[in-house]
Amino acid sequence: NPEIKQWMIDNNINSSVGLHTFYADRILNITRNIDVTPIVWQDVWDEKVELPPGSIIQVWKDSSDNSAFGSWAAYLNQAANEGYNVILSSP
């Protein structure tokens, strides 16, 4: 979409990951102001979006975009070790 491409240029967003990160950050900022528990896909955590306390990470892929994790199990363990609740979907 040419309008979205121009908006990305105007906002210094250079990739689809950057666009997704922008969107996720905006949505999570909304959840900080209301009494809800955000649930995010593992992609949001991969993109280093700052998650509000109490966020739940849904692991849904067999591997992460982050090469530090070899499998969903390593990914799930790391998220849990960092204090996040985790949902394991069928990877």
PDB file of N, CA and C in Angstrom:
ATOM      1  N   ASN A   1       0.841  -1.171   0.000  1.00  0.00           N
ATOM      2  CA  ASN A   1       0.000   0.000   0.000  1.00  0.00           C
ATOM      3  C   ASN A   1       0.892   1.242   0.000  1.00  0.00           C
ATOM      4  N   PRO A   2       0.771   2.088  -0.995  1.00  0.00           N
ATOM      5  CA  PRO A   2       1.631   3.265  -1.081  1.00  0.00           C
ATOM      6  C   PRO A   2       1.456   4.231   0.098  1.00  0.00           C
ATOM      7  N   GLU A   3       0.256   4.322   0.619  1.00  0.00           N
ATOM      8  CA  GLU A   3       0.033   5.224   1.756  1.00  0.00           C
ATOM      9  C   GLU A   3       0.751   4.718   3.004  1.00  0.00           C
ATOM     10  N   ILE A   4       0.721   3.425   3.241  1.00  0.00           N
ATOM     11  CA  ILE A   4       1.418   2.850   4.396  1.00  0.00           C
ATOM     12  C   ILE A   4       2.922   2.979   4.199  1.00  0.00           C
ATOM     13  N   LYS A   5       3.404   2.728   2.992  1.00  0.00           N
ATOM     14  CA  LYS A   5       4.835   2.888   2.721  1.00  0.00           C
ATOM     15  C   LYS A   5       5.281   4.316   3.022  1.00  0.00           C
ATOM     16  N   GLN A   6       4.493   5.301   2.603  1.00  0.00           N
ATOM     17  CA  GLN A   6       4.854   6.691   2.857  1.00  0.00           C
ATOM     18  C   GLN A   6       4.803   6.992   4.350  1.00  0.00           C
ATOM     19  N   TRP A   7       3.791   6.470   5.034  1.00  0.00           N
ATOM     20  CA  TRP A   7       3.687   6.675   6.483  1.00  0.00           C
ATOM     21  C   TRP A   7       4.902   6.084   7.189  1.00  0.00           C
ATOM     22  N   MET A   8       5.338   4.917   6.752  1.00  0.00           N
ATOM     23  CA  MET A   8       6.526   4.292   7.338  1.00  0.00           C
ATOM     24  C   MET A   8       7.757   5.167   7.118  1.00  0.00           C
ATOM     25  N   ILE A   9       7.912   5.710   5.919  1.00  0.00           N
ATOM     26  CA  ILE A   9       9.042   6.599   5.645  1.00  0.00           C
ATOM     27  C   ILE A   9       8.968   7.828   6.541  1.00  0.00           C
ATOM     28  N   ASP A  10       7.782   8.423   6.640  1.00  0.00           N
ATOM     29  CA  ASP A  10       7.596   9.625   7.459  1.00  0.00           C
ATOM     30  C   ASP A  10       7.889   9.378   8.937  1.00  0.00           C
ATOM     31  N   ASN A  11       7.725   8.121   9.377  1.00  0.00           N
ATOM     32  CA  ASN A  11       7.920   7.771  10.787  1.00  0.00           C
ATOM     33  C   ASN A  11       9.190   6.964  11.036  1.00  0.00           C
ATOM     34  N   ASN A  12      10.096   6.962  10.063  1.00  0.00           N
ATOM     35  CA  ASN A  12      11.389   6.281  10.181  1.00  0.00           C
ATOM     36  C   ASN A  12      11.248   4.796  10.516  1.00  0.00           C
ATOM     37  N   ILE A  13      10.264   4.158   9.916  1.00  0.00           N
ATOM     38  CA  ILE A  13      10.064   2.720  10.092  1.00  0.00           C
ATOM     39  C   ILE A  13      10.519   2.058   8.792  1.00  0.00           C
ATOM     40  N   ASN A  14      11.518   1.169   8.897  1.00  0.00           N
ATOM     41  CA  ASN A  14      12.187   0.643   7.712  1.00  0.00           C
ATOM     42  C   ASN A  14      11.820  -0.786   7.327  1.00  0.00           C
ATOM     43  N   SER A  15      10.962  -1.428   8.100  1.00  0.00           N
ATOM     44  CA  SER A  15      10.666  -2.830   7.794  1.00  0.00           C
ATOM     45  C   SER A  15       9.295  -3.208   8.342  1.00  0.00           C
ATOM     46  N   SER A  16       8.823  -4.377   7.906  1.00  0.00           N
ATOM     47  CA  SER A  16       7.548  -4.870   8.433  1.00  0.00           C
ATOM     48  C   SER A  16       7.672  -5.199   9.921  1.00  0.00           C
ATOM     49  N   VAL A  17       8.858  -5.646  10.350  1.00  0.00           N
ATOM     50  CA  VAL A  17       9.083  -5.896  11.780  1.00  0.00           C
ATOM     51  C   VAL A  17       8.979  -4.578  12.551  1.00  0.00           C
ATOM     52  N   GLY A  18       9.557  -3.521  12.010  1.00  0.00           N
ATOM     53  CA  GLY A  18       9.450  -2.215  12.652  1.00  0.00           C
ATOM     54  C   GLY A  18       8.010  -1.749  12.742  1.00  0.00           C
ATOM     55  N   LEU A  19       7.232  -2.002  11.704  1.00  0.00           N
ATOM     56  CA  LEU A  19       5.818  -1.639  11.709  1.00  0.00           C
ATOM     57  C   LEU A  19       5.065  -2.440  12.764  1.00  0.00           C
ATOM     58  N   HIS A  20       5.333  -3.739  12.842  1.00  0.00           N
ATOM     59  CA  HIS A  20       4.684  -4.581  13.841  1.00  0.00           C
ATOM     60  C   HIS A  20       5.064  -4.140  15.252  1.00  0.00           C
ATOM     61  N   THR A  21       6.327  -3.803  15.453  1.00  0.00           N
ATOM     62  CA  THR A  21       6.799  -3.345  16.760  1.00  0.00           C
ATOM     63  C   THR A  21       6.085  -2.058  17.158  1.00  0.00           C
ATOM     64  N   PHE A  22       5.966  -1.131  16.224  1.00  0.00           N
ATOM     65  CA  PHE A  22       5.259   0.130  16.480  1.00  0.00           C
ATOM     66  C   PHE A  22       3.825  -0.153  16.925  1.00  0.00           C
ATOM     67  N   TYR A  23       3.137  -1.011  16.175  1.00  0.00           N
ATOM     68  CA  TYR A  23       1.747  -1.356  16.475  1.00  0.00           C
ATOM     69  C   TYR A  23       1.624  -2.023  17.846  1.00  0.00           C
ATOM     70  N   ALA A  24       2.465  -3.009  18.108  1.00  0.00           N
ATOM     71  CA  ALA A  24       2.390  -3.734  19.384  1.00  0.00           C
ATOM     72  C   ALA A  24       2.649  -2.793  20.554  1.00  0.00           C
ATOM     73  N   ASP A  25       3.620  -1.912  20.401  1.00  0.00           N
ATOM     74  CA  ASP A  25       3.923  -0.962  21.467  1.00  0.00           C
ATOM     75  C   ASP A  25       2.741  -0.043  21.739  1.00  0.00           C
ATOM     76  N   ARG A  26       2.082   0.416  20.700  1.00  0.00           N
ATOM     77  CA  ARG A  26       0.906   1.286  20.866  1.00  0.00           C
ATOM     78  C   ARG A  26      -0.230   0.551  21.580  1.00  0.00           C
ATOM     79  N   ILE A  27      -0.491  -0.673  21.175  1.00  0.00           N
ATOM     80  CA  ILE A  27      -1.563  -1.453  21.810  1.00  0.00           C
ATOM     81  C   ILE A  27      -1.218  -1.731  23.270  1.00  0.00           C
ATOM     82  N   LEU A  28       0.029  -2.098  23.552  1.00  0.00           N
ATOM     83  CA  LEU A  28       0.412  -2.377  24.934  1.00  0.00           C
ATOM     84  C   LEU A  28       0.361  -1.122  25.794  1.00  0.00           C
ATOM     85  N   ASN A  29       0.624   0.034  25.228  1.00  0.00           N
ATOM     86  CA  ASN A  29       0.470   1.269  25.981  1.00  0.00           C
ATOM     87  C   ASN A  29      -0.985   1.480  26.397  1.00  0.00           C
ATOM     88  N   ILE A  30      -1.911   1.091  25.556  1.00  0.00           N
ATOM     89  CA  ILE A  30      -3.329   1.179  25.917  1.00  0.00           C
ATOM     90  C   ILE A  30      -3.622   0.256  27.094  1.00  0.00           C
ATOM     91  N   THR A  31      -3.070  -0.959  27.074  1.00  0.00           N
ATOM     92  CA  THR A  31      -3.357  -1.908  28.149  1.00  0.00           C
ATOM     93  C   THR A  31      -2.779  -1.450  29.478  1.00  0.00           C
ATOM     94  N   ARG A  32      -1.742  -0.605  29.446  1.00  0.00           N
ATOM     95  CA  ARG A  32      -1.167  -0.097  30.691  1.00  0.00           C
ATOM     96  C   ARG A  32      -2.146   0.820  31.424  1.00  0.00           C
ATOM     97  N   ASN A  33      -3.096   1.378  30.697  1.00  0.00           N
ATOM     98  CA  ASN A  33      -4.024   2.347  31.275  1.00  0.00           C
ATOM     99  C   ASN A  33      -5.387   1.763  31.628  1.00  0.00           C
ATOM    100  N   ILE A  34      -5.577   0.491  31.363  1.00  0.00           N
ATOM    101  CA  ILE A  34      -6.841  -0.153  31.717  1.00  0.00           C
ATOM    102  C   ILE A  34      -6.516  -1.456  32.444  1.00  0.00           C
ATOM    103  N   ASP A  35      -7.489  -2.003  33.114  1.00  0.00           N
ATOM    104  CA  ASP A  35      -7.260  -3.170  33.954  1.00  0.00           C
ATOM    105  C   ASP A  35      -7.438  -4.462  33.154  1.00  0.00           C
ATOM    106  N   VAL A  36      -6.421  -4.783  32.335  1.00  0.00           N
ATOM    107  CA  VAL A  36      -6.442  -6.017  31.552  1.00  0.00           C
ATOM    108  C   VAL A  36      -5.071  -6.682  31.615  1.00  0.00           C
ATOM    109  N   THR A  37      -5.041  -7.945  31.318  1.00  0.00           N
ATOM    110  CA  THR A  37      -3.782  -8.677  31.218  1.00  0.00           C
ATOM    111  C   THR A  37      -3.497  -8.905  29.749  1.00  0.00           C
ATOM    112  N   PRO A  38      -2.435  -8.289  29.221  1.00  0.00           N
ATOM    113  CA  PRO A  38      -2.144  -8.486  27.801  1.00  0.00           C
ATOM    114  C   PRO A  38      -1.558  -9.871  27.525  1.00  0.00           C
ATOM    115  N   ILE A  39      -1.998 -10.434  26.412  1.00  0.00           N
ATOM    116  CA  ILE A  39      -1.434 -11.682  25.910  1.00  0.00           C
ATOM    117  C   ILE A  39      -0.832 -11.353  24.553  1.00  0.00           C
ATOM    118  N   VAL A  40       0.449 -11.676  24.374  1.00  0.00           N
ATOM    119  CA  VAL A  40       1.121 -11.373  23.115  1.00  0.00           C
ATOM    120  C   VAL A  40       1.700 -12.642  22.519  1.00  0.00           C
ATOM    121  N   TRP A  41       1.772 -12.675  21.194  1.00  0.00           N
ATOM    122  CA  TRP A  41       2.469 -13.765  20.535  1.00  0.00           C
ATOM    123  C   TRP A  41       3.957 -13.612  20.777  1.00  0.00           C
ATOM    124  N   GLN A  42       4.664 -14.698  20.629  1.00  0.00           N
ATOM    125  CA  GLN A  42       6.099 -14.687  20.892  1.00  0.00           C
ATOM    126  C   GLN A  42       6.837 -13.687  20.010  1.00  0.00           C
ATOM    127  N   ASP A  43       6.281 -13.345  18.861  1.00  0.00           N
ATOM    128  CA  ASP A  43       6.930 -12.397  17.963  1.00  0.00           C
ATOM    129  C   ASP A  43       7.160 -11.043  18.641  1.00  0.00           C
ATOM    130  N   VAL A  44       6.214 -10.617  19.466  1.00  0.00           N
ATOM    131  CA  VAL A  44       6.329  -9.325  20.145  1.00  0.00           C
ATOM    132  C   VAL A  44       7.520  -9.342  21.093  1.00  0.00           C
ATOM    133  N   TRP A  45       7.708 -10.433  21.810  1.00  0.00           N
ATOM    134  CA  TRP A  45       8.852 -10.558  22.717  1.00  0.00           C
ATOM    135  C   TRP A  45      10.144 -10.635  21.910  1.00  0.00           C
ATOM    136  N   ASP A  46      10.106 -11.360  20.778  1.00  0.00           N
ATOM    137  CA  ASP A  46      11.272 -11.430  19.891  1.00  0.00           C
ATOM    138  C   ASP A  46      11.710 -10.037  19.446  1.00  0.00           C
ATOM    139  N   GLU A  47      10.745  -9.168  19.223  1.00  0.00           N
ATOM    140  CA  GLU A  47      11.023  -7.828  18.718  1.00  0.00           C
ATOM    141  C   GLU A  47      11.431  -6.853  19.822  1.00  0.00           C
ATOM    142  N   LYS A  48      11.576  -7.376  21.027  1.00  0.00           N
ATOM    143  CA  LYS A  48      12.057  -6.575  22.173  1.00  0.00           C
ATOM    144  C   LYS A  48      11.106  -5.445  22.551  1.00  0.00           C
ATOM    145  N   VAL A  49       9.812  -5.651  22.313  1.00  0.00           N
ATOM    146  CA  VAL A  49       8.820  -4.681  22.765  1.00  0.00           C
ATOM    147  C   VAL A  49       8.737  -4.791  24.285  1.00  0.00           C
ATOM    148  N   GLU A  50       8.735  -3.665  24.970  1.00  0.00           N
ATOM    149  CA  GLU A  50       8.644  -3.681  26.435  1.00  0.00           C
ATOM    150  C   GLU A  50       7.249  -4.125  26.843  1.00  0.00           C
ATOM    151  N   LEU A  51       7.198  -5.245  27.553  1.00  0.00           N
ATOM    152  CA  LEU A  51       5.911  -5.804  27.964  1.00  0.00           C
ATOM    153  C   LEU A  51       5.520  -5.285  29.342  1.00  0.00           C
ATOM    154  N   PRO A  52       4.238  -4.955  29.536  1.00  0.00           N
ATOM    155  CA  PRO A  52       3.788  -4.547  30.867  1.00  0.00           C
ATOM    156  C   PRO A  52       3.920  -5.711  31.847  1.00  0.00           C
ATOM    157  N   PRO A  53       4.098  -5.416  33.126  1.00  0.00           N
ATOM    158  CA  PRO A  53       4.136  -6.491  34.130  1.00  0.00           C
ATOM    159  C   PRO A  53       2.883  -7.351  34.036  1.00  0.00           C
ATOM    160  N   GLY A  54       3.078  -8.651  34.194  1.00  0.00           N
ATOM    161  CA  GLY A  54       1.947  -9.568  34.161  1.00  0.00           C
ATOM    162  C   GLY A  54       1.545 -10.026  32.770  1.00  0.00           C
ATOM    163  N   SER A  55       2.253  -9.548  31.743  1.00  0.00           N
ATOM    164  CA  SER A  55       1.926  -9.973  30.380  1.00  0.00           C
ATOM    165  C   SER A  55       2.106 -11.478  30.233  1.00  0.00           C
ATOM    166  N   ILE A  56       1.331 -12.050  29.335  1.00  0.00           N
ATOM    167  CA  ILE A  56       1.420 -13.468  29.028  1.00  0.00           C
ATOM    168  C   ILE A  56       1.957 -13.602  27.611  1.00  0.00           C
ATOM    169  N   ILE A  57       2.945 -14.475  27.429  1.00  0.00           N
ATOM    170  CA  ILE A  57       3.522 -14.710  26.110  1.00  0.00           C
ATOM    171  C   ILE A  57       2.985 -16.029  25.571  1.00  0.00           C
ATOM    172  N   GLN A  58       2.401 -15.973  24.370  1.00  0.00           N
ATOM    173  CA  GLN A  58       1.882 -17.186  23.736  1.00  0.00           C
ATOM    174  C   GLN A  58       2.918 -17.713  22.756  1.00  0.00           C
ATOM    175  N   VAL A  59       3.482 -18.876  23.080  1.00  0.00           N
ATOM    176  CA  VAL A  59       4.454 -19.533  22.218  1.00  0.00           C
ATOM    177  C   VAL A  59       3.670 -20.383  21.234  1.00  0.00           C
ATOM    178  N   TRP A  60       3.820 -20.054  19.950  1.00  0.00           N
ATOM    179  CA  TRP A  60       3.012 -20.741  18.936  1.00  0.00           C
ATOM    180  C   TRP A  60       3.831 -21.279  17.781  1.00  0.00           C
ATOM    181  N   LYS A  61       5.117 -20.923  17.722  1.00  0.00           N
ATOM    182  CA  LYS A  61       5.956 -21.415  16.631  1.00  0.00           C
ATOM    183  C   LYS A  61       6.948 -22.438  17.173  1.00  0.00           C
ATOM    184  N   ASP A  62       7.354 -23.362  16.327  1.00  0.00           N
ATOM    185  CA  ASP A  62       8.295 -24.397  16.740  1.00  0.00           C
ATOM    186  C   ASP A  62       9.664 -23.818  17.058  1.00  0.00           C
ATOM    187  N   SER A  63       9.990 -22.692  16.432  1.00  0.00           N
ATOM    188  CA  SER A  63      11.267 -22.038  16.720  1.00  0.00           C
ATOM    189  C   SER A  63      11.033 -20.536  16.772  1.00  0.00           C
ATOM    190  N   SER A  64      11.991 -19.835  17.314  1.00  0.00           N
ATOM    191  CA  SER A  64      11.893 -18.395  17.473  1.00  0.00           C
ATOM    192  C   SER A  64      12.616 -17.702  16.336  1.00  0.00           C
ATOM    193  N   ASP A  65      12.269 -16.444  16.090  1.00  0.00           N
ATOM    194  CA  ASP A  65      13.038 -15.616  15.172  1.00  0.00           C
ATOM    195  C   ASP A  65      14.391 -15.273  15.785  1.00  0.00           C
ATOM    196  N   ASN A  66      14.499 -15.465  17.093  1.00  0.00           N
ATOM    197  CA  ASN A  66      15.736 -15.206  17.817  1.00  0.00           C
ATOM    198  C   ASN A  66      16.581 -16.480  17.772  1.00  0.00           C
ATOM    199  N   SER A  67      17.742 -16.400  17.168  1.00  0.00           N
ATOM    200  CA  SER A  67      18.571 -17.599  16.986  1.00  0.00           C
ATOM    201  C   SER A  67      19.098 -18.182  18.302  1.00  0.00           C
ATOM    202  N   ALA A  68      18.937 -17.469  19.410  1.00  0.00           N
ATOM    203  CA  ALA A  68      19.401 -17.988  20.702  1.00  0.00           C
ATOM    204  C   ALA A  68      18.547 -19.166  21.166  1.00  0.00           C
ATOM    205  N   PHE A  69      17.371 -19.317  20.590  1.00  0.00           N
ATOM    206  CA  PHE A  69      16.474 -20.388  21.005  1.00  0.00           C
ATOM    207  C   PHE A  69      16.391 -21.439  19.915  1.00  0.00           C
ATOM    208  N   GLY A  70      16.707 -22.675  20.282  1.00  0.00           N
ATOM    209  CA  GLY A  70      16.692 -23.742  19.297  1.00  0.00           C
ATOM    210  C   GLY A  70      15.336 -24.374  19.110  1.00  0.00           C
ATOM    211  N   SER A  71      14.462 -24.219  20.088  1.00  0.00           N
ATOM    212  CA  SER A  71      13.159 -24.874  19.999  1.00  0.00           C
ATOM    213  C   SER A  71      12.149 -24.113  20.837  1.00  0.00           C
ATOM    214  N   TRP A  72      10.906 -24.512  20.689  1.00  0.00           N
ATOM    215  CA  TRP A  72       9.857 -23.864  21.485  1.00  0.00           C
ATOM    216  C   TRP A  72      10.101 -24.087  22.969  1.00  0.00           C
ATOM    217  N   ALA A  73      10.667 -25.225  23.348  1.00  0.00           N
ATOM    218  CA  ALA A  73      10.879 -25.520  24.766  1.00  0.00           C
ATOM    219  C   ALA A  73      11.893 -24.551  25.380  1.00  0.00           C
ATOM    220  N   ALA A  74      12.970 -24.284  24.675  1.00  0.00           N
ATOM    221  CA  ALA A  74      13.968 -23.330  25.176  1.00  0.00           C
ATOM    222  C   ALA A  74      13.360 -21.938  25.275  1.00  0.00           C
ATOM    223  N   TYR A  75      12.563 -21.601  24.291  1.00  0.00           N
ATOM    224  CA  TYR A  75      11.896 -20.296  24.273  1.00  0.00           C
ATOM    225  C   TYR A  75      10.952 -20.161  25.468  1.00  0.00           C
ATOM    226  N   LEU A  76      10.120 -21.172  25.656  1.00  0.00           N
ATOM    227  CA  LEU A  76       9.161 -21.171  26.758  1.00  0.00           C
ATOM    228  C   LEU A  76       9.882 -21.083  28.095  1.00  0.00           C
ATOM    229  N   ASN A  77      10.945 -21.853  28.272  1.00  0.00           N
ATOM    230  CA  ASN A  77      11.699 -21.824  29.528  1.00  0.00           C
ATOM    231  C   ASN A  77      12.296 -20.454  29.801  1.00  0.00           C
ATOM    232  N   GLN A  78      12.841 -19.804  28.771  1.00  0.00           N
ATOM    233  CA  GLN A  78      13.430 -18.482  28.961  1.00  0.00           C
ATOM    234  C   GLN A  78      12.364 -17.468  29.368  1.00  0.00           C
ATOM    235  N   ALA A  79      11.231 -17.494  28.709  1.00  0.00           N
ATOM    236  CA  ALA A  79      10.149 -16.562  29.054  1.00  0.00           C
ATOM    237  C   ALA A  79       9.685 -16.794  30.495  1.00  0.00           C
ATOM    238  N   ALA A  80       9.509 -18.045  30.871  1.00  0.00           N
ATOM    239  CA  ALA A  80       9.089 -18.366  32.237  1.00  0.00           C
ATOM    240  C   ALA A  80      10.157 -17.959  33.248  1.00  0.00           C
ATOM    241  N   ASN A  81      11.420 -18.187  32.921  1.00  0.00           N
ATOM    242  CA  ASN A  81      12.508 -17.800  33.825  1.00  0.00           C
ATOM    243  C   ASN A  81      12.594 -16.295  34.016  1.00  0.00           C
ATOM    244  N   GLU A  82      12.116 -15.542  33.027  1.00  0.00           N
ATOM    245  CA  GLU A  82      12.101 -14.087  33.157  1.00  0.00           C
ATOM    246  C   GLU A  82      10.837 -13.585  33.856  1.00  0.00           C
ATOM    247  N   GLY A  83      10.008 -14.515  34.325  1.00  0.00           N
ATOM    248  CA  GLY A  83       8.852 -14.143  35.129  1.00  0.00           C
ATOM    249  C   GLY A  83       7.543 -14.004  34.382  1.00  0.00           C
ATOM    250  N   TYR A  84       7.537 -14.342  33.104  1.00  0.00           N
ATOM    251  CA  TYR A  84       6.293 -14.244  32.339  1.00  0.00           C
ATOM    252  C   TYR A  84       5.487 -15.521  32.475  1.00  0.00           C
ATOM    253  N   ASN A  85       4.180 -15.378  32.490  1.00  0.00           N
ATOM    254  CA  ASN A  85       3.318 -16.539  32.321  1.00  0.00           C
ATOM    255  C   ASN A  85       3.324 -16.856  30.832  1.00  0.00           C
ATOM    256  N   VAL A  86       3.158 -18.127  30.509  1.00  0.00           N
ATOM    257  CA  VAL A  86       3.303 -18.557  29.122  1.00  0.00           C
ATOM    258  C   VAL A  86       2.153 -19.486  28.743  1.00  0.00           C
ATOM    259  N   ILE A  87       1.649 -19.293  27.545  1.00  0.00           N
ATOM    260  CA  ILE A  87       0.687 -20.229  26.956  1.00  0.00           C
ATOM    261  C   ILE A  87       1.426 -20.979  25.859  1.00  0.00           C
ATOM    262  N   LEU A  88       1.373 -22.292  25.883  1.00  0.00           N
ATOM    263  CA  LEU A  88       1.966 -23.091  24.813  1.00  0.00           C
ATOM    264  C   LEU A  88       0.842 -23.515  23.864  1.00  0.00           C
ATOM    265  N   SER A  89       0.869 -22.962  22.672  1.00  0.00           N
ATOM    266  CA  SER A  89      -0.053 -23.404  21.627  1.00  0.00           C
ATOM    267  C   SER A  89       0.627 -24.531  20.884  1.00  0.00           C
ATOM    268  N   SER A  90      -0.032 -25.120  19.953  1.00  0.00           N
ATOM    269  CA  SER A  90       0.527 -26.267  19.263  1.00  0.00           C
ATOM    270  C   SER A  90       1.589 -25.844  18.252  1.00  0.00           C
ATOM    271  N   PRO A  91       2.892 -25.930  18.627  1.00  0.00           N
ATOM    272  CA  PRO A  91       3.905 -25.538  17.652  1.00  0.00           C
ATOM    273  C   PRO A  91       4.220 -26.677  16.698  1.00  0.00           C
TER     274      PRO A  91
END
